[in-house]
Amino acid sequence: MREITLSTGKKVGLREKKGQHHFIERRLLASSIGEGGQNLGSIMSTVAVTTIVSIESIDGEKVKTPDDLTGIYELMDNFTYDEWNELEKKSLPADTQKKLDEAAKNLQNSDGSDNESN
Protein backbone atom coordinates (compact mmCIF):
# COMPACT_ATOMS: atom_id res chain seq x y z
CA MET A 1 0.00 0.00 0.00
CA ARG A 2 1.27 3.44 -0.94
CA GLU A 3 0.52 6.28 1.46
CA ILE A 4 0.11 9.95 0.59
CA THR A 5 0.29 12.65 3.25
CA LEU A 6 -1.63 15.76 2.29
CA SER A 7 -0.47 19.25 3.27
CA THR A 8 -3.16 19.24 6.00
CA GLY A 9 -1.56 16.17 7.58
CA LYS A 10 -4.31 13.78 6.48
CA LYS A 11 -2.88 10.41 5.46
CA VAL A 12 -4.48 8.52 2.58
CA GLY A 13 -3.56 4.91 1.88
CA LEU A 14 -3.80 3.85 -1.74
CA ARG A 15 -4.50 0.23 -2.60
CA GLU A 16 -2.75 -1.86 -5.19
CA LYS A 17 -5.49 -2.11 -7.78
CA LYS A 18 -6.41 -5.49 -9.18
CA GLY A 19 -8.45 -6.56 -12.18
CA GLN A 20 -11.82 -6.06 -10.54
CA HIS A 21 -11.01 -2.41 -9.90
CA HIS A 22 -11.21 -1.73 -13.66
CA PHE A 23 -14.76 -3.04 -13.62
CA ILE A 24 -15.65 -0.92 -10.59
CA GLU A 25 -14.16 2.21 -12.22
CA ARG A 26 -16.04 1.63 -15.50
CA ARG A 27 -19.31 1.06 -13.65
CA LEU A 28 -18.90 4.23 -11.58
CA LEU A 29 -17.95 6.22 -14.69
CA ALA A 30 -20.99 4.95 -16.56
CA SER A 31 -23.23 6.18 -13.76
CA SER A 32 -21.55 9.58 -13.44
CA ILE A 33 -20.85 10.64 -17.06
CA GLY A 34 -23.66 11.37 -19.49
CA GLU A 35 -23.69 10.82 -23.22
CA GLY A 36 -21.30 12.63 -25.50
CA GLY A 37 -17.73 12.61 -26.68
CA GLN A 38 -14.64 12.73 -24.55
CA ASN A 39 -13.83 16.20 -23.31
CA LEU A 40 -11.86 17.68 -20.45
CA GLY A 41 -14.86 17.27 -18.13
CA SER A 42 -15.07 13.55 -18.77
CA ILE A 43 -11.30 13.23 -18.34
CA MET A 44 -11.61 15.00 -14.99
CA SER A 45 -14.44 12.63 -13.99
CA THR A 46 -12.21 9.70 -14.92
CA VAL A 47 -9.45 11.09 -12.70
CA ALA A 48 -11.88 11.51 -9.80
CA VAL A 49 -13.25 7.96 -10.12
CA THR A 50 -9.76 6.49 -10.52
CA THR A 51 -8.69 8.29 -7.34
CA ILE A 52 -11.81 7.18 -5.45
CA VAL A 53 -11.30 3.52 -6.31
CA SER A 54 -7.64 3.70 -5.28
CA ILE A 55 -8.38 4.89 -1.72
CA GLU A 56 -7.96 2.07 0.78
CA SER A 57 -7.74 4.05 4.03
CA ILE A 58 -8.02 7.56 5.44
CA ASP A 59 -5.94 8.37 8.51
CA GLY A 60 -5.41 4.65 9.09
CA GLU A 61 -9.10 3.67 8.88
CA LYS A 62 -10.07 1.31 6.06
CA VAL A 63 -12.80 2.61 3.76
CA LYS A 64 -15.24 0.72 1.56
CA THR A 65 -14.86 1.16 -2.19
CA PRO A 66 -18.03 2.94 -3.36
CA ASP A 67 -20.29 1.17 -5.81
CA ASP A 68 -22.68 4.03 -6.59
CA LEU A 69 -22.93 7.83 -6.61
CA THR A 70 -24.05 7.94 -2.98
CA GLY A 71 -20.92 6.04 -1.96
CA ILE A 72 -18.78 8.43 -4.02
CA TYR A 73 -20.27 11.45 -2.27
CA GLU A 74 -19.87 9.86 1.16
CA LEU A 75 -16.22 9.02 0.55
CA MET A 76 -15.40 12.45 -0.89
CA ASP A 77 -17.04 14.07 2.15
CA ASN A 78 -13.93 13.03 4.11
CA PHE A 79 -11.95 15.71 2.24
CA THR A 80 -12.06 19.46 1.88
CA TYR A 81 -12.13 20.85 -1.65
CA ASP A 82 -8.40 21.67 -1.52
CA GLU A 83 -7.50 18.30 -0.01
CA TRP A 84 -9.32 16.52 -2.83
CA ASN A 85 -7.49 18.54 -5.51
CA GLU A 86 -4.16 17.75 -3.84
CA LEU A 87 -5.01 14.05 -3.52
CA GLU A 88 -5.96 13.77 -7.19
CA LYS A 89 -2.68 15.36 -8.28
CA LYS A 90 -0.54 13.25 -5.95
CA SER A 91 -2.28 9.95 -6.73
CA LEU A 92 -2.15 10.20 -10.53
CA PRO A 93 0.53 8.27 -12.38
CA ALA A 94 2.97 10.66 -14.07
CA ASP A 95 1.91 9.64 -17.60
CA THR A 96 -1.76 10.29 -16.80
CA GLN A 97 -0.94 13.71 -15.33
CA LYS A 98 1.04 14.53 -18.48
CA LYS A 99 -1.91 13.56 -20.73
CA LEU A 100 -4.29 15.64 -18.62
CA ASP A 101 -1.99 18.67 -18.75
CA GLU A 102 -1.67 18.29 -22.52
CA ALA A 103 -5.45 18.04 -22.98
CA ALA A 104 -5.94 21.19 -20.90
CA LYS A 105 -3.27 23.02 -22.91
CA ASN A 106 -4.91 21.97 -26.19
CA LEU A 107 -8.28 23.28 -25.01
CA GLN A 108 -6.72 26.62 -24.07
CA ASN A 109 -5.10 26.93 -27.50
CA SER A 110 -8.27 25.99 -29.37
CA ASP A 111 -10.37 28.73 -30.96
CA GLY A 112 -13.45 26.55 -30.50
CA SER A 113 -13.67 25.58 -34.15
CA ASP A 114 -12.31 22.58 -36.03
CA ASN A 115 -12.60 24.41 -39.35
CA GLU A 116 -10.00 26.77 -40.71
CA SER A 117 -11.23 29.75 -42.65
CA ASN A 118 -9.34 31.03 -45.66
C-alpha atoms as a PDB file:
ATOM      1  CA  MET A   1       0.000   0.000   0.000  1.00  0.00           C
ATOM      2  CA  ARG A   2       1.271   3.439  -0.942  1.00  0.00           C
ATOM      3  CA  GLU A   3       0.515   6.282   1.456  1.00  0.00           C
ATOM      4  CA  ILE A   4       0.112   9.954   0.585  1.00  0.00           C
ATOM      5  CA  THR A   5       0.294  12.649   3.245  1.00  0.00           C
ATOM      6  CA  LEU A   6      -1.635  15.762   2.293  1.00  0.00           C
ATOM      7  CA  SER A   7      -0.474  19.246   3.270  1.00  0.00           C
ATOM      8  CA  THR A   8      -3.160  19.238   5.997  1.00  0.00           C
ATOM      9  CA  GLY A   9      -1.558  16.169   7.583  1.00  0.00           C
ATOM     10  CA  LYS A  10      -4.306  13.776   6.479  1.00  0.00           C
ATOM     11  CA  LYS A  11      -2.882  10.405   5.459  1.00  0.00           C
ATOM     12  CA  VAL A  12      -4.482   8.519   2.584  1.00  0.00           C
ATOM     13  CA  GLY A  13      -3.559   4.914   1.885  1.00  0.00           C
ATOM     14  CA  LEU A  14      -3.803   3.847  -1.744  1.00  0.00           C
ATOM     15  CA  ARG A  15      -4.497   0.226  -2.597  1.00  0.00           C
ATOM     16  CA  GLU A  16      -2.748  -1.855  -5.186  1.00  0.00           C
ATOM     17  CA  LYS A  17      -5.491  -2.111  -7.775  1.00  0.00           C
ATOM     18  CA  LYS A  18      -6.406  -5.490  -9.176  1.00  0.00           C
ATOM     19  CA  GLY A  19      -8.451  -6.562 -12.183  1.00  0.00           C
ATOM     20  CA  GLN A  20     -11.824  -6.057 -10.541  1.00  0.00           C
ATOM     21  CA  HIS A  21     -11.013  -2.409  -9.900  1.00  0.00           C
ATOM     22  CA  HIS A  22     -11.212  -1.734 -13.660  1.00  0.00           C
ATOM     23  CA  PHE A  23     -14.760  -3.035 -13.622  1.00  0.00           C
ATOM     24  CA  ILE A  24     -15.646  -0.916 -10.594  1.00  0.00           C
ATOM     25  CA  GLU A  25     -14.158   2.207 -12.215  1.00  0.00           C
ATOM     26  CA  ARG A  26     -16.042   1.626 -15.495  1.00  0.00           C
ATOM     27  CA  ARG A  27     -19.311   1.059 -13.648  1.00  0.00           C
ATOM     28  CA  LEU A  28     -18.904   4.227 -11.584  1.00  0.00           C
ATOM     29  CA  LEU A  29     -17.949   6.224 -14.687  1.00  0.00           C
ATOM     30  CA  ALA A  30     -20.989   4.951 -16.559  1.00  0.00           C
ATOM     31  CA  SER A  31     -23.226   6.176 -13.757  1.00  0.00           C
ATOM     32  CA  SER A  32     -21.547   9.577 -13.440  1.00  0.00           C
ATOM     33  CA  ILE A  33     -20.852  10.638 -17.057  1.00  0.00           C
ATOM     34  CA  GLY A  34     -23.662  11.367 -19.487  1.00  0.00           C
ATOM     35  CA  GLU A  35     -23.690  10.817 -23.220  1.00  0.00           C
ATOM     36  CA  GLY A  36     -21.300  12.635 -25.504  1.00  0.00           C
ATOM     37  CA  GLY A  37     -17.727  12.614 -26.682  1.00  0.00           C
ATOM     38  CA  GLN A  38     -14.638  12.727 -24.551  1.00  0.00           C
ATOM     39  CA  ASN A  39     -13.830  16.196 -23.313  1.00  0.00           C
ATOM     40  CA  LEU A  40     -11.859  17.678 -20.446  1.00  0.00           C
ATOM     41  CA  GLY A  41     -14.855  17.274 -18.129  1.00  0.00           C
ATOM     42  CA  SER A  42     -15.074  13.554 -18.774  1.00  0.00           C
ATOM     43  CA  ILE A  43     -11.301  13.234 -18.341  1.00  0.00           C
ATOM     44  CA  MET A  44     -11.606  15.002 -14.994  1.00  0.00           C
ATOM     45  CA  SER A  45     -14.438  12.633 -13.991  1.00  0.00           C
ATOM     46  CA  THR A  46     -12.211   9.704 -14.921  1.00  0.00           C
ATOM     47  CA  VAL A  47      -9.453  11.093 -12.705  1.00  0.00           C
ATOM     48  CA  ALA A  48     -11.881  11.508  -9.797  1.00  0.00           C
ATOM     49  CA  VAL A  49     -13.252   7.963 -10.120  1.00  0.00           C
ATOM     50  CA  THR A  50      -9.760   6.487 -10.517  1.00  0.00           C
ATOM     51  CA  THR A  51      -8.694   8.294  -7.340  1.00  0.00           C
ATOM     52  CA  ILE A  52     -11.806   7.181  -5.451  1.00  0.00           C
ATOM     53  CA  VAL A  53     -11.300   3.518  -6.305  1.00  0.00           C
ATOM     54  CA  SER A  54      -7.637   3.696  -5.277  1.00  0.00           C
ATOM     55  CA  ILE A  55      -8.379   4.886  -1.721  1.00  0.00           C
ATOM     56  CA  GLU A  56      -7.962   2.070   0.782  1.00  0.00           C
ATOM     57  CA  SER A  57      -7.736   4.045   4.027  1.00  0.00           C
ATOM     58  CA  ILE A  58      -8.024   7.556   5.443  1.00  0.00           C
ATOM     59  CA  ASP A  59      -5.938   8.371   8.514  1.00  0.00           C
ATOM     60  CA  GLY A  60      -5.413   4.647   9.086  1.00  0.00           C
ATOM     61  CA  GLU A  61      -9.100   3.670   8.876  1.00  0.00           C
ATOM     62  CA  LYS A  62     -10.074   1.309   6.062  1.00  0.00           C
ATOM     63  CA  VAL A  63     -12.804   2.612   3.763  1.00  0.00           C
ATOM     64  CA  LYS A  64     -15.243   0.723   1.555  1.00  0.00           C
ATOM     65  CA  THR A  65     -14.864   1.156  -2.190  1.00  0.00           C
ATOM     66  CA  PRO A  66     -18.029   2.945  -3.358  1.00  0.00           C
ATOM     67  CA  ASP A  67     -20.291   1.171  -5.807  1.00  0.00           C
ATOM     68  CA  ASP A  68     -22.679   4.026  -6.595  1.00  0.00           C
ATOM     69  CA  LEU A  69     -22.925   7.825  -6.610  1.00  0.00           C
ATOM     70  CA  THR A  70     -24.051   7.942  -2.980  1.00  0.00           C
ATOM     71  CA  GLY A  71     -20.918   6.041  -1.963  1.00  0.00           C
ATOM     72  CA  ILE A  72     -18.778   8.433  -4.017  1.00  0.00           C
ATOM     73  CA  TYR A  73     -20.273  11.455  -2.267  1.00  0.00           C
ATOM     74  CA  GLU A  74     -19.871   9.865   1.161  1.00  0.00           C
ATOM     75  CA  LEU A  75     -16.217   9.016   0.547  1.00  0.00           C
ATOM     76  CA  MET A  76     -15.405  12.445  -0.892  1.00  0.00           C
ATOM     77  CA  ASP A  77     -17.041  14.071   2.148  1.00  0.00           C
ATOM     78  CA  ASN A  78     -13.925  13.034   4.107  1.00  0.00           C
ATOM     79  CA  PHE A  79     -11.950  15.710   2.236  1.00  0.00           C
ATOM     80  CA  THR A  80     -12.062  19.460   1.877  1.00  0.00           C
ATOM     81  CA  TYR A  81     -12.132  20.848  -1.647  1.00  0.00           C
ATOM     82  CA  ASP A  82      -8.404  21.665  -1.523  1.00  0.00           C
ATOM     83  CA  GLU A  83      -7.503  18.297  -0.011  1.00  0.00           C
ATOM     84  CA  TRP A  84      -9.316  16.523  -2.834  1.00  0.00           C
ATOM     85  CA  ASN A  85      -7.485  18.535  -5.506  1.00  0.00           C
ATOM     86  CA  GLU A  86      -4.163  17.754  -3.842  1.00  0.00           C
ATOM     87  CA  LEU A  87      -5.014  14.050  -3.521  1.00  0.00           C
ATOM     88  CA  GLU A  88      -5.961  13.770  -7.192  1.00  0.00           C
ATOM     89  CA  LYS A  89      -2.684  15.356  -8.276  1.00  0.00           C
ATOM     90  CA  LYS A  90      -0.538  13.248  -5.953  1.00  0.00           C
ATOM     91  CA  SER A  91      -2.278   9.952  -6.728  1.00  0.00           C
ATOM     92  CA  LEU A  92      -2.154  10.201 -10.528  1.00  0.00           C
ATOM     93  CA  PRO A  93       0.531   8.272 -12.376  1.00  0.00           C
ATOM     94  CA  ALA A  94       2.971  10.665 -14.072  1.00  0.00           C
ATOM     95  CA  ASP A  95       1.906   9.642 -17.597  1.00  0.00           C
ATOM     96  CA  THR A  96      -1.762  10.295 -16.800  1.00  0.00           C
ATOM     97  CA  GLN A  97      -0.938  13.713 -15.326  1.00  0.00           C
ATOM     98  CA  LYS A  98       1.042  14.533 -18.484  1.00  0.00           C
ATOM     99  CA  LYS A  99      -1.912  13.560 -20.729  1.00  0.00           C
ATOM    100  CA  LEU A 100      -4.294  15.642 -18.621  1.00  0.00           C
ATOM    101  CA  ASP A 101      -1.990  18.673 -18.747  1.00  0.00           C
ATOM    102  CA  GLU A 102      -1.668  18.287 -22.519  1.00  0.00           C
ATOM    103  CA  ALA A 103      -5.455  18.042 -22.977  1.00  0.00           C
ATOM    104  CA  ALA A 104      -5.938  21.194 -20.897  1.00  0.00           C
ATOM    105  CA  LYS A 105      -3.272  23.023 -22.909  1.00  0.00           C
ATOM    106  CA  ASN A 106      -4.910  21.972 -26.190  1.00  0.00           C
ATOM    107  CA  LEU A 107      -8.278  23.280 -25.006  1.00  0.00           C
ATOM    108  CA  GLN A 108      -6.723  26.620 -24.072  1.00  0.00           C
ATOM    109  CA  ASN A 109      -5.099  26.934 -27.503  1.00  0.00           C
ATOM    110  CA  SER A 110      -8.269  25.991 -29.367  1.00  0.00           C
ATOM    111  CA  ASP A 111     -10.368  28.726 -30.957  1.00  0.00           C
ATOM    112  CA  GLY A 112     -13.448  26.550 -30.501  1.00  0.00           C
ATOM    113  CA  SER A 113     -13.672  25.581 -34.150  1.00  0.00           C
ATOM    114  CA  ASP A 114     -12.310  22.584 -36.032  1.00  0.00           C
ATOM    115  CA  ASN A 115     -12.596  24.413 -39.353  1.00  0.00           C
ATOM    116  CA  GLU A 116     -10.002  26.766 -40.706  1.00  0.00           C
ATOM    117  CA  SER A 117     -11.232  29.752 -42.649  1.00  0.00           C
ATOM    118  CA  ASN A 118      -9.344  31.027 -45.664  1.00  0.00           C
END
